[in-house]
Amino acid sequence: MATMITDDCFSCGACEDECPNDAISLGDDIFAIDPDLCSECVGLHATQKCAEACPVECCVPDPERRESEEVLFERARRVHAQREVTLELNDSTSHLRAE
């Protein structure tokens, strides 16, 4: 599932700087995650970088958008198609494998 930002966000911007997909931007009052760009860092990192950086733990799974590891990995491949980024799907690049 894509990640979402709850209303507890106080717009510090820590998550935006950590997102490898540039999926996070400032909305009207708080930061928001574009679910069409969010891959939960699958293929890139073993943890979700936005959730790791958030000081108030408001980057959480979106219950309305459950997605498999394969879907998230394909999204990451699409987002990074024009970038010089190496994507791999293994235990060190997917938090879903630890669950």
N, C-alpha and C. Protein backbone atom coordinates (compact mmCIF):
# COMPACT_ATOMS: atom_id res chain seq x y z
N MET A 1 0.83 -1.18 0.00
CA MET A 1 0.00 0.00 0.00
C MET A 1 0.87 1.24 0.00
N ALA A 2 0.42 2.24 -0.61
CA ALA A 2 1.15 3.51 -0.60
C ALA A 2 1.09 4.09 0.82
N THR A 3 1.98 4.98 1.08
CA THR A 3 2.03 5.64 2.38
C THR A 3 1.26 6.94 2.30
N MET A 4 0.68 7.35 3.41
CA MET A 4 -0.04 8.62 3.49
C MET A 4 0.49 9.40 4.69
N ILE A 5 0.19 10.68 4.72
CA ILE A 5 0.59 11.53 5.84
C ILE A 5 -0.67 11.95 6.58
N THR A 6 -0.68 11.74 7.88
CA THR A 6 -1.86 12.05 8.69
C THR A 6 -1.91 13.54 9.03
N ASP A 7 -3.02 13.93 9.61
CA ASP A 7 -3.22 15.33 10.02
C ASP A 7 -2.30 15.74 11.16
N ASP A 8 -1.56 14.80 11.75
CA ASP A 8 -0.61 15.14 12.80
C ASP A 8 0.63 15.85 12.25
N CYS A 9 0.78 15.87 10.93
CA CYS A 9 1.91 16.53 10.29
C CYS A 9 1.94 18.01 10.68
N PHE A 10 3.13 18.50 11.02
CA PHE A 10 3.28 19.93 11.31
C PHE A 10 4.20 20.61 10.30
N SER A 11 4.33 19.99 9.12
CA SER A 11 5.01 20.57 7.97
C SER A 11 6.49 20.89 8.20
N CYS A 12 7.20 19.97 8.83
CA CYS A 12 8.63 20.19 9.07
C CYS A 12 9.45 19.95 7.80
N GLY A 13 8.94 19.11 6.89
CA GLY A 13 9.63 18.84 5.64
C GLY A 13 10.66 17.73 5.68
N ALA A 14 10.83 17.09 6.83
CA ALA A 14 11.83 16.01 6.94
C ALA A 14 11.56 14.89 5.95
N CYS A 15 10.31 14.56 5.75
CA CYS A 15 9.95 13.46 4.86
C CYS A 15 10.23 13.80 3.40
N GLU A 16 9.97 15.02 3.01
CA GLU A 16 10.14 15.43 1.61
C GLU A 16 11.59 15.24 1.16
N ASP A 17 12.52 15.60 2.02
CA ASP A 17 13.94 15.49 1.68
C ASP A 17 14.40 14.05 1.54
N GLU A 18 13.72 13.13 2.18
CA GLU A 18 14.14 11.73 2.19
C GLU A 18 13.51 10.88 1.09
N CYS A 19 12.46 11.35 0.45
CA CYS A 19 11.73 10.54 -0.53
C CYS A 19 12.54 10.37 -1.81
N PRO A 20 12.92 9.12 -2.15
CA PRO A 20 13.71 8.90 -3.36
C PRO A 20 12.88 9.02 -4.64
N ASN A 21 11.56 9.06 -4.51
CA ASN A 21 10.68 9.13 -5.69
C ASN A 21 10.12 10.52 -5.93
N ASP A 22 10.49 11.48 -5.12
CA ASP A 22 9.93 12.84 -5.20
C ASP A 22 8.41 12.79 -5.15
N ALA A 23 7.87 11.93 -4.29
CA ALA A 23 6.42 11.75 -4.18
C ALA A 23 5.79 12.66 -3.15
N ILE A 24 6.60 13.36 -2.37
CA ILE A 24 6.09 14.17 -1.27
C ILE A 24 6.23 15.65 -1.60
N SER A 25 5.14 16.38 -1.35
CA SER A 25 5.16 17.83 -1.57
C SER A 25 4.24 18.51 -0.55
N LEU A 26 4.44 19.79 -0.39
CA LEU A 26 3.62 20.55 0.54
C LEU A 26 2.25 20.79 -0.05
N GLY A 27 1.22 20.39 0.69
CA GLY A 27 -0.15 20.64 0.27
C GLY A 27 -0.62 21.97 0.81
N ASP A 28 -1.91 22.12 1.01
CA ASP A 28 -2.45 23.38 1.53
C ASP A 28 -1.94 23.69 2.94
N ASP A 29 -1.99 22.70 3.81
CA ASP A 29 -1.57 22.91 5.20
C ASP A 29 -0.46 21.99 5.66
N ILE A 30 -0.45 20.78 5.11
CA ILE A 30 0.54 19.78 5.51
C ILE A 30 1.14 19.14 4.26
N PHE A 31 2.14 18.32 4.46
CA PHE A 31 2.73 17.61 3.34
C PHE A 31 1.81 16.48 2.91
N ALA A 32 1.91 16.09 1.66
CA ALA A 32 1.09 15.02 1.10
C ALA A 32 1.96 14.13 0.23
N ILE A 33 1.53 12.88 0.09
CA ILE A 33 2.25 11.90 -0.72
C ILE A 33 1.39 11.57 -1.94
N ASP A 34 1.98 11.66 -3.11
CA ASP A 34 1.30 11.27 -4.35
C ASP A 34 1.36 9.74 -4.42
N PRO A 35 0.21 9.06 -4.28
CA PRO A 35 0.23 7.59 -4.28
C PRO A 35 0.65 6.99 -5.61
N ASP A 36 0.58 7.75 -6.68
CA ASP A 36 1.02 7.25 -7.98
C ASP A 36 2.54 7.28 -8.14
N LEU A 37 3.22 7.92 -7.20
CA LEU A 37 4.68 7.95 -7.21
C LEU A 37 5.29 7.17 -6.05
N CYS A 38 4.51 6.96 -5.00
CA CYS A 38 5.03 6.27 -3.81
C CYS A 38 5.18 4.78 -4.06
N SER A 39 6.37 4.28 -3.79
CA SER A 39 6.65 2.85 -3.89
C SER A 39 7.03 2.27 -2.53
N GLU A 40 6.79 3.04 -1.48
CA GLU A 40 7.19 2.65 -0.12
C GLU A 40 8.68 2.33 -0.05
N CYS A 41 9.45 2.89 -0.95
CA CYS A 41 10.90 2.70 -1.06
C CYS A 41 11.29 1.28 -1.45
N VAL A 42 10.31 0.46 -1.86
CA VAL A 42 10.61 -0.90 -2.31
C VAL A 42 11.52 -0.83 -3.53
N GLY A 43 12.55 -1.65 -3.52
CA GLY A 43 13.52 -1.66 -4.60
C GLY A 43 14.69 -0.73 -4.35
N LEU A 44 14.57 0.10 -3.34
CA LEU A 44 15.61 1.08 -3.04
C LEU A 44 16.18 0.95 -1.63
N HIS A 45 15.29 0.75 -0.65
CA HIS A 45 15.70 0.74 0.75
C HIS A 45 14.93 -0.32 1.53
N ALA A 46 15.49 -0.75 2.64
CA ALA A 46 14.83 -1.74 3.50
C ALA A 46 13.78 -1.12 4.41
N THR A 47 13.75 0.20 4.45
CA THR A 47 12.77 0.92 5.27
C THR A 47 12.12 2.01 4.44
N GLN A 48 10.99 2.49 4.90
CA GLN A 48 10.35 3.62 4.25
C GLN A 48 11.01 4.89 4.78
N LYS A 49 11.71 5.59 3.93
CA LYS A 49 12.51 6.73 4.36
C LYS A 49 11.68 7.86 4.95
N CYS A 50 10.49 8.10 4.44
CA CYS A 50 9.65 9.17 4.99
C CYS A 50 9.25 8.86 6.42
N ALA A 51 8.82 7.62 6.67
CA ALA A 51 8.41 7.21 8.01
C ALA A 51 9.59 7.24 8.97
N GLU A 52 10.74 6.87 8.47
CA GLU A 52 11.95 6.87 9.29
C GLU A 52 12.34 8.30 9.69
N ALA A 53 12.13 9.25 8.80
CA ALA A 53 12.53 10.64 9.06
C ALA A 53 11.51 11.43 9.85
N CYS A 54 10.26 11.02 9.83
CA CYS A 54 9.18 11.81 10.45
C CYS A 54 9.30 11.82 11.98
N PRO A 55 9.42 13.02 12.57
CA PRO A 55 9.57 13.09 14.02
C PRO A 55 8.28 12.82 14.80
N VAL A 56 7.13 12.86 14.14
CA VAL A 56 5.86 12.63 14.84
C VAL A 56 5.13 11.39 14.33
N GLU A 57 5.83 10.57 13.55
CA GLU A 57 5.31 9.29 13.06
C GLU A 57 3.95 9.42 12.36
N CYS A 58 3.87 10.38 11.45
CA CYS A 58 2.60 10.57 10.72
C CYS A 58 2.65 10.06 9.28
N CYS A 59 3.73 9.42 8.88
CA CYS A 59 3.81 8.74 7.58
C CYS A 59 3.43 7.29 7.84
N VAL A 60 2.22 6.94 7.45
CA VAL A 60 1.66 5.63 7.79
C VAL A 60 1.08 4.95 6.55
N PRO A 61 0.87 3.64 6.61
CA PRO A 61 0.24 2.95 5.48
C PRO A 61 -1.16 3.49 5.21
N ASP A 62 -1.49 3.65 3.96
CA ASP A 62 -2.82 4.12 3.56
C ASP A 62 -3.74 2.89 3.48
N PRO A 63 -4.71 2.78 4.38
CA PRO A 63 -5.57 1.59 4.39
C PRO A 63 -6.46 1.48 3.15
N GLU A 64 -6.60 2.55 2.41
CA GLU A 64 -7.41 2.54 1.19
C GLU A 64 -6.64 2.08 -0.03
N ARG A 65 -5.34 1.85 0.13
CA ARG A 65 -4.51 1.53 -1.03
C ARG A 65 -3.54 0.39 -0.72
N ARG A 66 -4.05 -0.80 -0.62
CA ARG A 66 -3.23 -1.99 -0.36
C ARG A 66 -2.60 -2.45 -1.68
N GLU A 67 -1.28 -2.58 -1.69
CA GLU A 67 -0.57 -2.97 -2.91
C GLU A 67 0.51 -3.99 -2.59
N SER A 68 0.75 -4.88 -3.51
CA SER A 68 1.75 -5.92 -3.31
C SER A 68 3.16 -5.37 -3.54
N GLU A 69 4.13 -6.14 -3.09
CA GLU A 69 5.53 -5.78 -3.31
C GLU A 69 5.83 -5.64 -4.80
N GLU A 70 5.26 -6.52 -5.60
CA GLU A 70 5.50 -6.48 -7.04
C GLU A 70 4.97 -5.19 -7.66
N VAL A 71 3.78 -4.76 -7.25
CA VAL A 71 3.20 -3.51 -7.76
C VAL A 71 4.06 -2.32 -7.35
N LEU A 72 4.49 -2.31 -6.10
CA LEU A 72 5.33 -1.21 -5.61
C LEU A 72 6.67 -1.18 -6.34
N PHE A 73 7.25 -2.35 -6.59
CA PHE A 73 8.53 -2.42 -7.29
C PHE A 73 8.39 -1.93 -8.73
N GLU A 74 7.33 -2.32 -9.40
CA GLU A 74 7.10 -1.86 -10.77
C GLU A 74 6.91 -0.34 -10.81
N ARG A 75 6.25 0.20 -9.81
CA ARG A 75 6.08 1.66 -9.74
C ARG A 75 7.45 2.32 -9.58
N ALA A 76 8.29 1.78 -8.72
CA ALA A 76 9.63 2.34 -8.53
C ALA A 76 10.42 2.28 -9.84
N ARG A 77 10.30 1.17 -10.56
CA ARG A 77 10.99 1.06 -11.85
C ARG A 77 10.51 2.11 -12.83
N ARG A 78 9.21 2.36 -12.85
CA ARG A 78 8.65 3.38 -13.75
C ARG A 78 9.12 4.78 -13.35
N VAL A 79 9.06 5.06 -12.06
CA VAL A 79 9.46 6.39 -11.56
C VAL A 79 10.94 6.66 -11.84
N HIS A 80 11.76 5.63 -11.74
CA HIS A 80 13.20 5.80 -11.89
C HIS A 80 13.72 5.42 -13.27
N ALA A 81 12.84 5.23 -14.23
CA ALA A 81 13.24 4.78 -15.57
C ALA A 81 14.26 5.71 -16.22
N GLN A 82 14.16 7.00 -16.01
CA GLN A 82 15.07 7.95 -16.64
C GLN A 82 16.21 8.39 -15.72
N ARG A 83 16.28 7.82 -14.54
CA ARG A 83 17.32 8.19 -13.58
C ARG A 83 18.39 7.11 -13.53
N GLU A 84 19.56 7.47 -13.11
CA GLU A 84 20.64 6.50 -12.97
C GLU A 84 20.59 5.89 -11.57
N VAL A 85 19.56 5.08 -11.34
CA VAL A 85 19.35 4.45 -10.05
C VAL A 85 19.26 2.94 -10.27
N THR A 86 19.99 2.20 -9.46
CA THR A 86 19.92 0.74 -9.54
C THR A 86 18.84 0.24 -8.61
N LEU A 87 17.88 -0.47 -9.15
CA LEU A 87 16.80 -1.03 -8.35
C LEU A 87 16.97 -2.54 -8.27
N GLU A 88 16.79 -3.05 -7.07
CA GLU A 88 16.84 -4.49 -6.84
C GLU A 88 15.73 -4.85 -5.88
N LEU A 89 15.23 -6.05 -6.01
CA LEU A 89 14.19 -6.52 -5.11
C LEU A 89 14.76 -7.68 -4.32
N ASN A 90 15.11 -7.40 -3.06
CA ASN A 90 15.67 -8.43 -2.18
C ASN A 90 15.40 -8.03 -0.73
N ASP A 91 15.93 -8.78 0.21
CA ASP A 91 15.68 -8.53 1.62
C ASP A 91 16.17 -7.15 2.08
N SER A 92 17.20 -6.63 1.44
CA SER A 92 17.74 -5.34 1.88
C SER A 92 17.11 -4.15 1.14
N THR A 93 16.17 -4.42 0.23
CA THR A 93 15.52 -3.32 -0.48
C THR A 93 14.00 -3.40 -0.42
N SER A 94 13.49 -4.19 0.53
CA SER A 94 12.03 -4.25 0.69
C SER A 94 11.66 -4.58 2.13
N HIS A 95 11.01 -3.65 2.78
CA HIS A 95 10.55 -3.85 4.15
C HIS A 95 9.45 -4.92 4.20
N LEU A 96 8.81 -5.22 3.09
CA LEU A 96 7.74 -6.19 3.05
C LEU A 96 8.24 -7.61 3.28
N ARG A 97 9.49 -7.85 3.02
CA ARG A 97 10.05 -9.19 3.19
C ARG A 97 10.35 -9.50 4.65
N ALA A 98 10.40 -8.49 5.47
CA ALA A 98 10.66 -8.68 6.89
C ALA A 98 9.37 -8.91 7.69
N GLU A 99 8.25 -8.67 7.05
CA GLU A 99 6.97 -8.78 7.77
C GLU A 99 6.53 -10.20 7.91
